[in-house]
Amino acid sequence: MYFHYHCLCYLGAKRTINQPMTLPDFQMLAALLYSALLLLCTGSAKPVIRFGIPALAVWLSVSFAGSLLFALQATAYIGLTYLLQQQRLSGRWLKILAWILWGTLSVGLLTHLLPGYQGLQLTDNTQVKTNSLAASVYLNTDKVLIAWALLQWLPIWRKNQHIAPSAAAWLKLTLPLLVIPLIMLLAVQLGLLQWQPGFSGLLAIIVISNLLNTCFTEELLFRGGLQNYLHKKMGMLGGLIIASGLFGLAHFAGGGWYMLLATLAGLLYGLVYLLTGRLLWAVLCHWGLNTTHLLLFTWPVVQAG
């Protein structure tokens, strides 16, 4: 299911249905192109493209999200990433200070709490789908900077030879196809979701934004960073379980059952990563589950009776 209250929507307290907010199409398109551009820049070996274009894009993004203050902080984040990735800092304490600043800015980006940041508001306390809880939905483009930064160190396309065991091709393919429906069924049985197929232009925007701004960031962070680190320290099983548990804990805003479902989803993404050795497949699995939730069930959760 779509485990991202904190990423794209803030739940409204009321149950009334309001009209969706009207935004110029170019603003939504610009926001999606901005996120795609940042991710694509990481594929270049030239520093001027990997770091220069994202810095320029951040300042251009002021026209649809954020402010001059946010642009300054984002530029500092890009600069710190450049210095750390290119190993341009000398001195132990200078490096420690740079990592602390980088980590602090990363947390601010992850939680949308950096001063001056504002996402594109798509709805104001509106039911996105019938029988769903009213929500204020935002197209947030700050988190993609974390994905951009992590891609300076973590390969998204190449296979991690140290993590992937040998597995049959049919297992790699069928695992998500079997487990995603089971997770959705459990969510229905717990009363969090109802069957509600539907599609709209708004849902299309959310689906695309979810891939670019949420799935890439969270898989690079939890599987590429955290699970890989724990794998080295605690072994394959320990890394998988603890990283998945922390992924579930990060979704505390949805309550206990929601955290359980998020943990199960994290286990699925982690297993896909282990079986394929490629973060990209974990990203696509994550996106597939979220898209299934968005298009086939109530979203973000069922409206209370």
Protein backbone atom coordinates (compact mmCIF):
# COMPACT_ATOMS: atom_id res chain seq x y z
CA MET A 1 0.00 0.00 0.00
CA TYR A 2 0.95 3.63 -0.23
CA PHE A 3 2.98 4.09 2.96
CA HIS A 4 3.71 7.80 2.59
CA TYR A 5 1.49 10.09 4.62
CA HIS A 6 4.55 12.21 5.34
CA CYS A 7 5.72 12.47 1.74
CA LEU A 8 2.83 13.51 -0.44
CA CYS A 9 -0.13 14.18 1.80
CA TYR A 10 -1.10 15.51 5.17
CA LEU A 11 -4.34 14.00 6.40
CA GLY A 12 -7.18 16.42 6.99
CA ALA A 13 -9.14 16.28 10.23
CA LYS A 14 -12.49 16.97 8.57
CA ARG A 15 -14.47 14.63 6.34
CA THR A 16 -16.02 17.22 4.07
CA ILE A 17 -15.30 17.15 0.37
CA ASN A 18 -13.84 20.31 -1.10
CA GLN A 19 -12.96 21.10 -4.68
CA PRO A 20 -9.42 20.26 -5.84
CA MET A 21 -7.12 23.23 -6.00
CA THR A 22 -6.36 24.58 -9.47
CA LEU A 23 -2.67 24.78 -10.39
CA PRO A 24 -1.20 25.80 -13.73
CA ASP A 25 -0.22 22.68 -15.65
CA PHE A 26 3.28 24.04 -16.27
CA GLN A 27 3.97 24.15 -12.52
CA MET A 28 3.23 20.44 -12.05
CA LEU A 29 5.11 19.55 -15.22
CA ALA A 30 8.09 21.68 -14.19
CA ALA A 31 8.17 20.01 -10.76
CA LEU A 32 8.20 16.51 -12.28
CA LEU A 33 10.83 17.45 -14.88
CA TYR A 34 12.97 18.98 -12.13
CA SER A 35 12.99 15.71 -10.16
CA ALA A 36 13.70 13.65 -13.28
CA LEU A 37 16.55 15.97 -14.28
CA LEU A 38 18.29 15.63 -10.92
CA LEU A 39 18.15 11.84 -11.10
CA LEU A 40 19.37 11.76 -14.70
CA CYS A 41 22.34 14.05 -13.94
CA THR A 42 23.86 11.38 -11.72
CA GLY A 43 24.49 9.25 -14.79
CA SER A 44 27.15 11.63 -16.11
CA ALA A 45 30.83 11.32 -15.30
CA LYS A 46 31.34 15.07 -15.70
CA PRO A 47 31.18 17.03 -12.42
CA VAL A 48 29.75 20.07 -14.19
CA ILE A 49 26.70 17.99 -15.12
CA ARG A 50 26.46 15.92 -11.93
CA PHE A 51 26.71 18.95 -9.62
CA GLY A 52 26.41 22.10 -11.72
CA ILE A 53 23.10 21.40 -13.41
CA PRO A 54 21.35 20.37 -10.16
CA ALA A 55 22.58 23.59 -8.51
CA LEU A 56 21.14 25.61 -11.39
CA ALA A 57 17.89 23.61 -11.33
CA VAL A 58 17.43 24.34 -7.63
CA TRP A 59 17.39 28.08 -8.30
CA LEU A 60 15.00 27.67 -11.22
CA SER A 61 12.70 25.60 -8.99
CA VAL A 62 12.03 28.66 -6.84
CA SER A 63 9.32 29.54 -9.37
CA PHE A 64 7.20 26.53 -8.38
CA ALA A 65 8.39 25.36 -4.94
CA GLY A 66 10.49 26.71 -2.14
CA SER A 67 12.03 30.14 -1.71
CA LEU A 68 15.37 31.91 -1.96
CA LEU A 69 16.15 30.70 1.56
CA PHE A 70 15.46 27.09 0.59
CA ALA A 71 17.51 27.49 -2.60
CA LEU A 72 20.48 28.67 -0.52
CA GLN A 73 20.22 25.62 1.74
CA ALA A 74 19.80 23.26 -1.21
CA THR A 75 22.85 24.78 -2.91
CA ALA A 76 24.85 24.30 0.28
CA TYR A 77 23.70 20.65 0.33
CA ILE A 78 24.86 20.15 -3.26
CA GLY A 79 28.17 21.82 -2.45
CA LEU A 80 28.72 19.62 0.61
CA THR A 81 27.89 16.52 -1.43
CA TYR A 82 30.46 17.59 -4.03
CA LEU A 83 33.18 18.16 -1.43
CA LEU A 84 32.52 14.85 0.32
CA GLN A 85 32.09 12.71 -2.80
CA GLN A 86 35.07 14.23 -4.59
CA GLN A 87 37.12 14.03 -1.38
CA ARG A 88 38.08 17.69 -1.53
CA LEU A 89 38.24 18.14 2.26
CA SER A 90 41.41 17.65 4.25
CA GLY A 91 41.52 17.25 7.98
CA ARG A 92 39.55 14.81 10.14
CA TRP A 93 37.49 17.38 12.02
CA LEU A 94 36.61 19.30 8.88
CA LYS A 95 35.28 16.11 7.34
CA ILE A 96 33.29 15.29 10.49
CA LEU A 97 31.77 18.77 10.52
CA ALA A 98 30.87 18.46 6.82
CA TRP A 99 29.16 15.10 7.39
CA ILE A 100 27.21 16.51 10.35
CA LEU A 101 25.98 19.44 8.26
CA TRP A 102 25.18 17.10 5.37
CA GLY A 103 23.22 14.78 7.67
CA THR A 104 21.32 17.67 9.26
CA LEU A 105 20.29 19.02 5.88
CA SER A 106 19.31 15.50 4.76
CA VAL A 107 16.96 15.13 7.73
CA GLY A 108 15.43 18.52 6.92
CA LEU A 109 14.86 17.46 3.32
CA LEU A 110 13.42 14.11 4.33
CA THR A 111 10.90 15.67 6.72
CA HIS A 112 10.11 18.77 4.59
CA LEU A 113 11.19 20.94 7.52
CA LEU A 114 13.94 23.07 6.00
CA PRO A 115 13.05 26.76 6.47
CA GLY A 116 11.54 28.31 3.38
CA TYR A 117 10.45 25.08 1.71
CA GLN A 118 6.93 24.81 0.36
CA GLY A 119 5.57 21.98 -1.74
CA LEU A 120 3.01 22.35 -4.51
CA GLN A 121 -0.39 21.84 -2.91
CA LEU A 122 -2.60 19.77 -5.21
CA THR A 123 -5.69 19.39 -2.98
CA ASP A 124 -6.98 21.03 0.18
CA ASN A 125 -8.75 18.54 2.48
CA THR A 126 -10.31 16.76 -0.50
CA GLN A 127 -11.33 13.16 -1.14
CA VAL A 128 -8.96 11.98 -3.85
CA LYS A 129 -11.07 8.84 -4.36
CA THR A 130 -14.58 7.83 -3.29
CA ASN A 131 -14.85 6.38 0.25
CA SER A 132 -11.36 7.68 1.05
CA LEU A 133 -10.28 9.91 3.92
CA ALA A 134 -10.06 13.57 2.92
CA ALA A 135 -6.46 14.71 2.54
CA SER A 136 -4.37 17.70 1.61
CA VAL A 137 -2.00 16.43 -1.06
CA TYR A 138 1.36 18.00 -1.87
CA LEU A 139 3.80 17.42 -4.70
CA ASN A 140 7.06 17.62 -2.76
CA THR A 141 10.36 17.94 -4.61
CA ASP A 142 12.78 18.41 -1.71
CA LYS A 143 13.37 14.70 -0.97
CA VAL A 144 14.69 14.04 -4.47
CA LEU A 145 17.85 15.90 -3.46
CA ILE A 146 18.58 13.06 -1.03
CA ALA A 147 18.22 10.51 -3.84
CA TRP A 148 20.48 12.66 -6.03
CA ALA A 149 23.10 12.82 -3.28
CA LEU A 150 23.01 9.10 -2.46
CA LEU A 151 23.40 8.25 -6.13
CA GLN A 152 26.85 9.86 -5.98
CA TRP A 153 27.92 6.84 -3.93
CA LEU A 154 25.35 4.09 -4.56
CA PRO A 155 24.94 2.43 -7.98
CA ILE A 156 21.33 2.13 -9.10
CA TRP A 157 21.89 0.17 -12.32
CA ARG A 158 24.93 -1.99 -11.55
CA LYS A 159 24.62 -5.27 -9.70
CA ASN A 160 26.03 -5.46 -6.18
CA GLN A 161 28.06 -8.66 -6.42
CA HIS A 162 28.52 -8.81 -2.64
CA ILE A 163 24.83 -8.94 -1.75
CA ALA A 164 22.97 -11.01 -4.34
CA PRO A 165 22.80 -14.80 -3.86
CA SER A 166 22.03 -17.02 -6.82
CA ALA A 167 18.28 -17.26 -7.38
CA ALA A 168 16.05 -18.55 -10.13
CA ALA A 169 14.70 -15.93 -12.50
CA TRP A 170 11.12 -17.08 -11.87
CA LEU A 171 11.49 -16.38 -8.14
CA LYS A 172 12.75 -12.84 -8.74
CA LEU A 173 9.71 -12.15 -10.92
CA THR A 174 6.98 -13.94 -8.99
CA LEU A 175 7.89 -12.80 -5.47
CA PRO A 176 6.51 -9.25 -5.90
CA LEU A 177 3.53 -10.52 -7.94
CA LEU A 178 2.57 -12.85 -5.09
CA VAL A 179 3.41 -10.73 -2.06
CA ILE A 180 1.96 -7.38 -3.16
CA PRO A 181 -1.62 -8.79 -3.40
CA LEU A 182 -1.18 -10.47 0.00
CA ILE A 183 -0.14 -7.19 1.63
CA MET A 184 -3.10 -5.40 0.05
CA LEU A 185 -5.47 -8.15 1.19
CA LEU A 186 -4.14 -7.86 4.73
CA ALA A 187 -4.69 -4.09 4.63
CA VAL A 188 -8.31 -4.68 3.58
CA GLN A 189 -8.81 -7.25 6.34
CA LEU A 190 -7.45 -4.79 8.89
CA GLY A 191 -10.00 -2.21 7.74
CA LEU A 192 -7.45 0.27 6.40
CA LEU A 193 -8.43 -0.06 2.73
CA GLN A 194 -11.36 -0.95 0.51
CA TRP A 195 -11.48 -2.01 -3.11
CA GLN A 196 -11.95 1.23 -5.09
CA PRO A 197 -10.53 1.16 -8.64
CA GLY A 198 -10.23 4.55 -10.26
CA PHE A 199 -8.02 6.85 -12.29
CA SER A 200 -7.75 10.60 -12.73
CA GLY A 201 -5.26 13.24 -13.80
CA LEU A 202 -4.49 13.92 -10.15
CA LEU A 203 -3.72 10.26 -9.50
CA ALA A 204 -1.42 10.22 -12.55
CA ILE A 205 0.57 13.14 -11.11
CA ILE A 206 0.81 11.39 -7.73
CA VAL A 207 1.94 8.12 -9.34
CA ILE A 208 4.76 9.82 -11.29
CA SER A 209 5.83 11.96 -8.35
CA ASN A 210 5.84 8.90 -6.12
CA LEU A 211 8.41 7.20 -8.32
CA LEU A 212 10.69 10.22 -8.73
CA ASN A 213 10.48 11.77 -5.27
CA THR A 214 9.63 8.92 -2.90
CA CYS A 215 10.56 5.46 -4.18
CA PHE A 216 14.06 6.39 -5.37
CA THR A 217 14.82 8.27 -2.16
CA GLU A 218 13.51 5.68 0.27
CA GLU A 219 15.06 2.68 -1.46
CA LEU A 220 18.45 4.35 -1.75
CA LEU A 221 18.23 5.31 1.90
CA PHE A 222 16.82 2.14 3.47
CA ARG A 223 18.06 -0.60 1.15
CA GLY A 224 21.08 0.99 -0.52
CA GLY A 225 22.40 2.68 2.60
CA LEU A 226 20.98 1.13 5.76
CA GLN A 227 20.47 -2.49 4.69
CA ASN A 228 23.86 -2.62 2.97
CA TYR A 229 25.58 -1.27 6.09
CA LEU A 230 23.77 -3.67 8.43
CA HIS A 231 24.44 -6.54 6.03
CA LYS A 232 28.17 -5.98 6.46
CA LYS A 233 27.91 -5.67 10.25
CA MET A 234 25.22 -8.26 11.09
CA GLY A 235 24.86 -10.53 8.08
CA MET A 236 22.18 -10.81 5.41
CA LEU A 237 19.25 -11.76 7.67
CA GLY A 238 20.04 -9.19 10.35
CA GLY A 239 20.40 -6.42 7.81
CA LEU A 240 17.12 -7.33 6.13
CA ILE A 241 15.07 -7.54 9.34
CA ILE A 242 16.41 -4.44 11.07
CA ALA A 243 16.28 -2.23 7.96
CA SER A 244 12.69 -3.37 7.32
CA GLY A 245 11.73 -2.73 10.93
CA LEU A 246 13.15 0.78 10.81
CA PHE A 247 11.31 1.35 7.53
CA GLY A 248 8.09 0.39 9.27
CA LEU A 249 8.90 2.59 12.26
CA ALA A 250 9.37 5.56 9.94
CA HIS A 251 5.67 5.28 9.11
CA PHE A 252 4.53 5.76 12.70
CA ALA A 253 2.10 8.50 11.64
CA GLY A 254 -0.26 5.84 10.29
CA GLY A 255 -0.54 3.93 13.56
CA GLY A 256 0.42 0.42 14.68
CA TRP A 257 -1.19 -1.63 11.90
CA TYR A 258 0.18 0.75 9.31
CA MET A 259 3.70 0.31 10.68
CA LEU A 260 3.25 -3.47 10.52
CA LEU A 261 2.23 -3.30 6.86
CA ALA A 262 5.10 -0.96 6.09
CA THR A 263 7.50 -3.42 7.75
CA LEU A 264 6.14 -6.26 5.60
CA ALA A 265 6.55 -4.07 2.53
CA GLY A 266 10.11 -3.28 3.60
CA LEU A 267 10.84 -7.01 3.88
CA LEU A 268 9.56 -7.46 0.33
CA TYR A 269 11.70 -4.62 -1.06
CA GLY A 270 14.72 -5.91 0.86
CA LEU A 271 14.24 -9.46 -0.47
CA VAL A 272 13.91 -8.17 -4.02
CA TYR A 273 17.18 -6.30 -3.54
CA LEU A 274 18.88 -9.41 -2.14
CA LEU A 275 17.64 -11.62 -4.98
CA THR A 276 18.52 -9.24 -7.80
CA GLY A 277 21.45 -7.29 -6.34
CA ARG A 278 20.10 -4.17 -8.05
CA LEU A 279 18.54 -1.25 -6.22
CA LEU A 280 16.53 -0.38 -9.30
CA TRP A 281 14.39 -3.51 -8.89
CA ALA A 282 13.67 -2.59 -5.27
CA VAL A 283 12.64 0.88 -6.46
CA LEU A 284 10.30 -0.57 -9.09
CA CYS A 285 8.81 -3.05 -6.62
CA HIS A 286 8.17 -0.21 -4.16
CA TRP A 287 6.55 1.82 -6.93
CA GLY A 288 4.47 -1.16 -8.05
CA LEU A 289 3.00 -1.65 -4.60
CA ASN A 290 2.25 2.04 -4.16
CA THR A 291 0.70 2.30 -7.63
CA THR A 292 -1.49 -0.74 -6.91
CA HIS A 293 -2.73 1.02 -3.78
CA LEU A 294 -3.36 4.31 -5.57
CA LEU A 295 -5.23 2.92 -8.56
CA LEU A 296 -7.13 -0.04 -7.11
CA PHE A 297 -7.96 0.86 -3.49
CA THR A 298 -9.10 3.76 -1.33
CA TRP A 299 -6.33 6.30 -0.81
CA PRO A 300 -4.68 7.15 1.50
CA VAL A 301 -6.99 5.05 3.73
CA VAL A 302 -10.69 4.27 3.90
CA GLN A 303 -12.98 6.97 5.28
CA ALA A 304 -14.21 6.18 8.78
CA GLY A 305 -17.89 5.32 8.89
